[in-house]
Amino acid sequence: MSQYFPISLPCLIKKSYDNIFLVANFIFHFILGLFIALSPTTQSIEKAFLQNNPRILYSLFSSESSINISLPEPISFSDQVSREQAFFLFKKIFSSFNTLEFYPEEEFPLSSENQSFIFKARWSFKDNRNNNQYPIHIFFYLINEKLKNTWKIIEIKAAKI
């Protein structure tokens, strides 16, 4: 039997396994990226930031719970607020900081029934007072409100890159 298999067979098997894993990983991330691109909720979030439009975000805030928001400097805000307060907060943020770019990076399902997930994006914005630019990773925790069967934001957190 050994005459049919060269000694390098274990290496070939490992390389084949690595190649299969690489292709499977690529397909998984491609499908995940496609899901992000097709998700109406994540598209609305992206649109809200690109258009500096707090009304779009307001429509995505949960009316059933408070919204936990934590944003780093230069915004420097951390608190639990109502959806109305979140609207006025983002109205102030979007009037002081213009979005330069906003693009989705990943979605992380948190429950086996897909009742909640975290949407991660990169947000770069410019301070209108001094033209300083800030890139951050921003995370949106969304839940599926069963009565309305819609995805709603219940938490927004960000970290400097």
Protein backbone atom coordinates (compact mmCIF):
# COMPACT_ATOMS: atom_id res chain seq x y z
CA MET A 1 0.00 0.00 0.00
CA SER A 2 2.84 2.40 0.80
CA GLN A 3 4.07 2.14 -2.80
CA TYR A 4 0.94 4.02 -3.95
CA PHE A 5 1.24 6.89 -1.50
CA PRO A 6 4.38 9.00 -1.41
CA ILE A 7 5.83 10.01 1.94
CA SER A 8 4.59 13.59 1.42
CA LEU A 9 0.95 12.46 1.53
CA PRO A 10 0.34 13.82 5.06
CA CYS A 11 1.60 17.21 3.85
CA LEU A 12 -0.68 17.04 0.82
CA ILE A 13 -3.61 16.16 3.02
CA LYS A 14 -2.82 19.03 5.40
CA LYS A 15 -2.43 21.46 2.49
CA SER A 16 -5.67 20.21 1.00
CA TYR A 17 -7.39 20.60 4.35
CA ASP A 18 -5.96 24.13 4.70
CA ASN A 19 -7.15 25.00 1.19
CA ILE A 20 -10.63 23.63 1.87
CA PHE A 21 -10.76 25.56 5.15
CA LEU A 22 -9.59 28.73 3.38
CA VAL A 23 -12.26 28.38 0.67
CA ALA A 24 -14.97 27.57 3.23
CA ASN A 25 -13.91 30.56 5.35
CA PHE A 26 -14.02 32.82 2.28
CA ILE A 27 -17.49 31.54 1.30
CA PHE A 28 -18.75 32.03 4.87
CA HIS A 29 -17.49 35.64 4.97
CA PHE A 30 -18.83 36.29 1.47
CA ILE A 31 -22.29 35.04 2.45
CA LEU A 32 -22.10 36.97 5.71
CA GLY A 33 -21.16 40.11 3.79
CA LEU A 34 -24.00 39.49 1.37
CA PHE A 35 -26.40 39.14 4.29
CA ILE A 36 -25.18 42.45 5.67
CA ALA A 37 -25.62 44.14 2.31
CA LEU A 38 -29.14 42.77 1.94
CA SER A 39 -30.38 43.49 5.44
CA PRO A 40 -32.85 46.40 5.33
CA THR A 41 -32.09 47.36 8.92
CA THR A 42 -28.33 47.56 8.43
CA GLN A 43 -28.87 49.44 5.17
CA SER A 44 -31.04 51.94 7.05
CA ILE A 45 -28.36 52.37 9.70
CA GLU A 46 -25.77 52.97 6.99
CA LYS A 47 -28.09 55.45 5.24
CA ALA A 48 -28.74 57.34 8.50
CA PHE A 49 -25.02 57.86 9.10
CA LEU A 50 -24.12 58.65 5.49
CA GLN A 51 -26.92 61.22 5.29
CA ASN A 52 -26.39 62.48 8.87
CA ASN A 53 -30.11 61.82 9.36
CA PRO A 54 -31.26 61.15 12.95
CA ARG A 55 -34.87 60.53 11.81
CA ILE A 56 -33.84 57.29 10.13
CA LEU A 57 -32.10 56.16 13.32
CA TYR A 58 -35.15 57.16 15.38
CA SER A 59 -37.28 54.76 13.36
CA LEU A 60 -34.84 51.96 14.27
CA PHE A 61 -34.72 52.62 18.02
CA SER A 62 -36.72 50.28 20.21
CA SER A 63 -39.87 51.75 21.70
CA GLU A 64 -39.99 48.89 24.22
CA SER A 65 -36.75 49.62 26.06
CA SER A 66 -34.23 52.34 26.72
CA ILE A 67 -31.25 52.76 24.40
CA ASN A 68 -27.78 52.32 25.92
CA ILE A 69 -25.34 54.61 24.10
CA SER A 70 -21.61 54.82 24.74
CA LEU A 71 -19.44 56.88 22.37
CA PRO A 72 -15.76 57.84 22.81
CA GLU A 73 -14.11 61.24 22.47
CA PRO A 74 -14.66 63.65 20.85
CA ILE A 75 -18.37 62.89 21.33
CA SER A 76 -17.86 61.58 24.89
CA PHE A 77 -21.30 60.30 25.79
CA SER A 78 -22.40 57.33 27.86
CA ASP A 79 -25.92 56.84 29.22
CA GLN A 80 -29.22 55.03 28.88
CA VAL A 81 -31.76 57.21 27.08
CA SER A 82 -35.25 57.00 25.65
CA ARG A 83 -35.65 56.76 21.90
CA GLU A 84 -36.66 60.46 21.85
CA GLN A 85 -33.52 61.44 23.78
CA ALA A 86 -31.43 59.29 21.42
CA PHE A 87 -32.98 61.14 18.48
CA PHE A 88 -31.98 64.53 19.93
CA LEU A 89 -28.52 63.23 20.82
CA PHE A 90 -27.88 62.07 17.24
CA LYS A 91 -29.39 65.28 15.89
CA LYS A 92 -26.74 67.16 17.89
CA ILE A 93 -23.98 64.71 16.89
CA PHE A 94 -24.82 64.92 13.18
CA SER A 95 -24.91 68.74 13.32
CA SER A 96 -21.45 68.84 14.95
CA PHE A 97 -19.77 65.98 13.10
CA ASN A 98 -20.08 65.18 9.40
CA THR A 99 -19.78 61.57 8.31
CA LEU A 100 -16.87 60.95 5.96
CA GLU A 101 -17.46 57.21 5.60
CA PHE A 102 -19.60 54.51 7.08
CA TYR A 103 -19.39 50.93 5.99
CA PRO A 104 -20.53 47.62 7.45
CA GLU A 105 -17.91 45.17 8.60
CA GLU A 106 -19.64 42.21 10.28
CA GLU A 107 -22.77 40.85 11.89
CA PHE A 108 -22.55 38.57 14.90
CA PRO A 109 -25.65 36.48 15.63
CA LEU A 110 -26.03 36.15 19.39
CA SER A 111 -28.84 33.64 19.75
CA SER A 112 -29.51 30.31 18.12
CA GLU A 113 -32.95 31.54 17.07
CA ASN A 114 -31.41 34.70 15.54
CA GLN A 115 -33.46 36.95 17.82
CA SER A 116 -30.54 39.31 18.38
CA PHE A 117 -27.29 40.25 16.72
CA ILE A 118 -24.51 42.79 16.80
CA PHE A 119 -23.85 44.83 13.69
CA LYS A 120 -20.30 46.22 13.46
CA ALA A 121 -19.34 49.09 11.19
CA ARG A 122 -16.53 51.55 10.67
CA TRP A 123 -17.54 55.18 11.03
CA SER A 124 -15.24 58.06 10.15
CA PHE A 125 -16.38 61.58 10.79
CA LYS A 126 -15.05 65.13 10.81
CA ASP A 127 -15.47 67.65 13.64
CA ASN A 128 -17.04 70.75 12.06
CA ARG A 129 -15.31 73.08 14.56
CA ASN A 130 -11.70 72.12 13.87
CA ASN A 131 -11.83 69.73 10.87
CA ASN A 132 -10.20 66.91 12.87
CA GLN A 133 -11.08 63.46 11.59
CA TYR A 134 -11.95 60.46 13.75
CA PRO A 135 -12.30 56.81 12.72
CA ILE A 136 -14.12 54.49 15.11
CA HIS A 137 -15.65 51.03 15.21
CA ILE A 138 -19.31 51.29 16.09
CA PHE A 139 -21.45 48.40 17.29
CA PHE A 140 -25.24 48.21 17.20
CA TYR A 141 -27.01 45.63 19.34
CA LEU A 142 -30.28 44.77 17.63
CA ILE A 143 -33.16 42.62 18.78
CA ASN A 144 -36.11 41.24 16.90
CA GLU A 145 -39.22 42.76 18.46
CA LYS A 146 -41.59 39.85 18.10
CA LEU A 147 -44.85 41.80 18.18
CA LYS A 148 -43.77 43.98 15.28
CA ASN A 149 -41.35 41.42 13.79
CA THR A 150 -38.80 44.17 13.14
CA TRP A 151 -35.17 44.66 14.11
CA LYS A 152 -34.66 47.45 16.62
CA ILE A 153 -31.55 49.04 18.12
CA ILE A 154 -31.27 48.78 21.89
CA GLU A 155 -27.56 49.59 22.28
CA ILE A 156 -24.87 51.56 20.45
CA LYS A 157 -21.25 51.36 21.54
CA ALA A 158 -18.11 52.56 19.86
CA ALA A 159 -14.35 52.34 20.25
CA LYS A 160 -11.52 54.28 18.73
CA ILE A 161 -9.52 52.50 16.09
